[in-house]
C-alpha atoms as a PDB file:
ATOM      1  CA  MET A   1       5.903 -16.216  -0.917  1.00  0.00           C
ATOM      2  CA  PHE A   2       6.874 -14.634  -4.006  1.00  0.00           C
ATOM      3  CA  LEU A   3       3.706 -14.743  -5.689  1.00  0.00           C
ATOM      4  CA  SER A   4       2.468 -13.045  -1.937  1.00  0.00           C
ATOM      5  CA  ILE A   5       5.375 -10.178  -2.042  1.00  0.00           C
ATOM      6  CA  THR A   6       4.415  -9.344  -5.939  1.00  0.00           C
ATOM      7  CA  LEU A   7       0.725  -9.315  -4.866  1.00  0.00           C
ATOM      8  CA  TRP A   8       1.998  -6.979  -1.772  1.00  0.00           C
ATOM      9  CA  LEU A   9       3.783  -4.555  -4.350  1.00  0.00           C
ATOM     10  CA  ILE A  10       0.468  -4.608  -6.979  1.00  0.00           C
ATOM     11  CA  PHE A  11      -1.644  -3.719  -4.151  1.00  0.00           C
ATOM     12  CA  GLY A  12       0.657  -0.633  -2.654  1.00  0.00           C
ATOM     13  CA  LEU A  13       1.262   0.781  -6.334  1.00  0.00           C
ATOM     14  CA  ILE A  14      -2.785   0.612  -6.881  1.00  0.00           C
ATOM     15  CA  ALA A  15      -3.271   2.346  -3.903  1.00  0.00           C
ATOM     16  CA  GLY A  16      -0.709   5.101  -4.789  1.00  0.00           C
ATOM     17  CA  LEU A  17      -2.254   5.399  -8.195  1.00  0.00           C
ATOM     18  CA  VAL A  18      -5.414   6.138  -6.699  1.00  0.00           C
ATOM     19  CA  ALA A  19      -4.623   8.333  -4.044  1.00  0.00           C
ATOM     20  CA  VAL A  20      -3.009  10.587  -6.725  1.00  0.00           C
ATOM     21  CA  THR A  21      -6.105  10.469  -8.804  1.00  0.00           C
ATOM     22  CA  PHE A  22      -8.388  10.976  -6.240  1.00  0.00           C
ATOM     23  CA  ILE A  23      -7.004  12.189  -2.779  1.00  0.00           C
ATOM     24  CA  TYR A  24      -4.396  14.703  -4.831  1.00  0.00           C
ATOM     25  CA  ASN A  25      -6.264  15.365  -7.606  1.00  0.00           C
ATOM     26  CA  GLY A  26      -3.718  14.468  -9.840  1.00  0.00           C
ATOM     27  CA  ASP A  27      -0.919  16.384  -8.516  1.00  0.00           C
ATOM     28  CA  ARG A  28       2.152  15.457 -10.405  1.00  0.00           C
ATOM     29  CA  ARG A  29       4.332  16.359  -7.956  1.00  0.00           C
ATOM     30  CA  GLN A  30       2.759  13.869  -5.408  1.00  0.00           C
ATOM     31  CA  LEU A  31       3.294  10.949  -8.087  1.00  0.00           C
ATOM     32  CA  PHE A  32       6.706   9.674  -6.804  1.00  0.00           C
ATOM     33  CA  PRO A  33       5.681   9.794  -2.935  1.00  0.00           C
ATOM     34  CA  LEU A  34       2.577   8.336  -3.071  1.00  0.00           C
ATOM     35  CA  ILE A  35       3.579   5.585  -5.160  1.00  0.00           C
ATOM     36  CA  THR A  36       6.651   4.742  -3.035  1.00  0.00           C
ATOM     37  CA  LEU A  37       4.531   5.237  -0.019  1.00  0.00           C
ATOM     38  CA  GLY A  38       2.021   2.618  -1.205  1.00  0.00           C
ATOM     39  CA  VAL A  39       4.614   0.353  -2.099  1.00  0.00           C
ATOM     40  CA  VAL A  40       5.942   0.482   1.498  1.00  0.00           C
ATOM     41  CA  GLY A  41       2.283   0.363   3.079  1.00  0.00           C
ATOM     42  CA  GLY A  42       1.413  -2.630   0.889  1.00  0.00           C
ATOM     43  CA  LEU A  43       4.935  -4.568   1.890  1.00  0.00           C
ATOM     44  CA  ILE A  44       4.517  -3.775   6.000  1.00  0.00           C
ATOM     45  CA  GLY A  45       0.537  -4.598   5.534  1.00  0.00           C
ATOM     46  CA  GLY A  46       1.283  -7.712   3.628  1.00  0.00           C
ATOM     47  CA  SER A  47       3.690  -8.743   6.208  1.00  0.00           C
ATOM     48  CA  PHE A  48       1.229  -7.903   8.848  1.00  0.00           C
ATOM     49  CA  GLY A  49      -1.431 -10.148   6.935  1.00  0.00           C
ATOM     50  CA  GLN A  50       1.044 -12.807   6.883  1.00  0.00           C
ATOM     51  CA  ILE A  51       2.212 -12.615  10.261  1.00  0.00           C
ATOM     52  CA  ILE A  52      -1.980 -12.852  11.311  1.00  0.00           C
ATOM     53  CA  THR A  53      -2.684 -15.637   8.828  1.00  0.00           C
ATOM     54  CA  ASN A  54       0.850 -17.567  10.674  1.00  0.00           C
ATOM     55  CA  THR A  55       1.504 -19.039   7.466  1.00  0.00           C
ATOM     56  CA  GLN A  56       4.125 -18.978   4.583  1.00  0.00           C
ATOM     57  CA  ALA A  57       1.967 -20.299   2.265  1.00  0.00           C
ATOM     58  CA  ASP A  58       1.936 -18.364  -1.498  1.00  0.00           C
ATOM     59  CA  PHE A  59      -1.645 -16.932  -1.143  1.00  0.00           C
ATOM     60  CA  ARG A  60      -4.323 -16.296   1.282  1.00  0.00           C
ATOM     61  CA  LEU A  61      -7.214 -13.971   0.821  1.00  0.00           C
ATOM     62  CA  LEU A  62      -6.653 -12.096   3.891  1.00  0.00           C
ATOM     63  CA  THR A  63      -3.025 -10.842   2.850  1.00  0.00           C
ATOM     64  CA  PRO A  64      -3.675  -9.112   0.212  1.00  0.00           C
ATOM     65  CA  VAL A  65      -6.668  -6.889   1.817  1.00  0.00           C
ATOM     66  CA  VAL A  66      -4.147  -6.178   4.742  1.00  0.00           C
ATOM     67  CA  SER A  67      -1.551  -4.904   2.181  1.00  0.00           C
ATOM     68  CA  LEU A  68      -4.161  -2.696   0.350  1.00  0.00           C
ATOM     69  CA  ILE A  69      -5.136  -1.393   4.014  1.00  0.00           C
ATOM     70  CA  GLY A  70      -1.733  -0.757   5.120  1.00  0.00           C
ATOM     71  CA  ALA A  71      -0.901   1.247   1.994  1.00  0.00           C
ATOM     72  CA  VAL A  72      -3.972   3.328   2.375  1.00  0.00           C
ATOM     73  CA  LEU A  73      -3.641   3.728   6.015  1.00  0.00           C
ATOM     74  CA  LEU A  74       0.332   4.988   5.029  1.00  0.00           C
ATOM     75  CA  ILE A  75      -0.806   7.076   2.340  1.00  0.00           C
ATOM     76  CA  GLY A  76      -3.257   8.758   4.645  1.00  0.00           C
ATOM     77  CA  LEU A  77      -0.606   9.259   7.274  1.00  0.00           C
ATOM     78  CA  TYR A  78       1.319  11.315   4.671  1.00  0.00           C
ATOM     79  CA  LYS A  79      -1.431  13.350   3.334  1.00  0.00           C
ATOM     80  CA  ASN A  80      -2.397  14.270   7.197  1.00  0.00           C
ATOM     81  CA  ILE A  81       0.993  15.128   8.264  1.00  0.00           C
ATOM     82  CA  SER A  82       2.045  16.737   4.814  1.00  0.00           C
ATOM     83  CA  PRO A  83       2.837  20.353   5.088  1.00  0.00           C
ATOM     84  CA  GLN A  84       1.770  20.918   1.286  1.00  0.00           C
ATOM     85  CA  ASN A  85      -1.754  20.146   1.927  1.00  0.00           C
END
């Protein structure tokens, strides 16, 4: 379980950093909110992925993938509803 949560956090962090770099063109003001949203989205997506696989195992390939998808979706939602666009 600890390995899964660590992977969710890492994939969410990566998604947040990629969003700052590519979506917001390196805008430093968006660094903390996007990394936070990436981590939260990774945790939500990873939890959902673990529910889908119906297992408590430490590592399943689907779980980190769904964690990354959750982070990207949450960051995309933020980009679409943020008044700073």
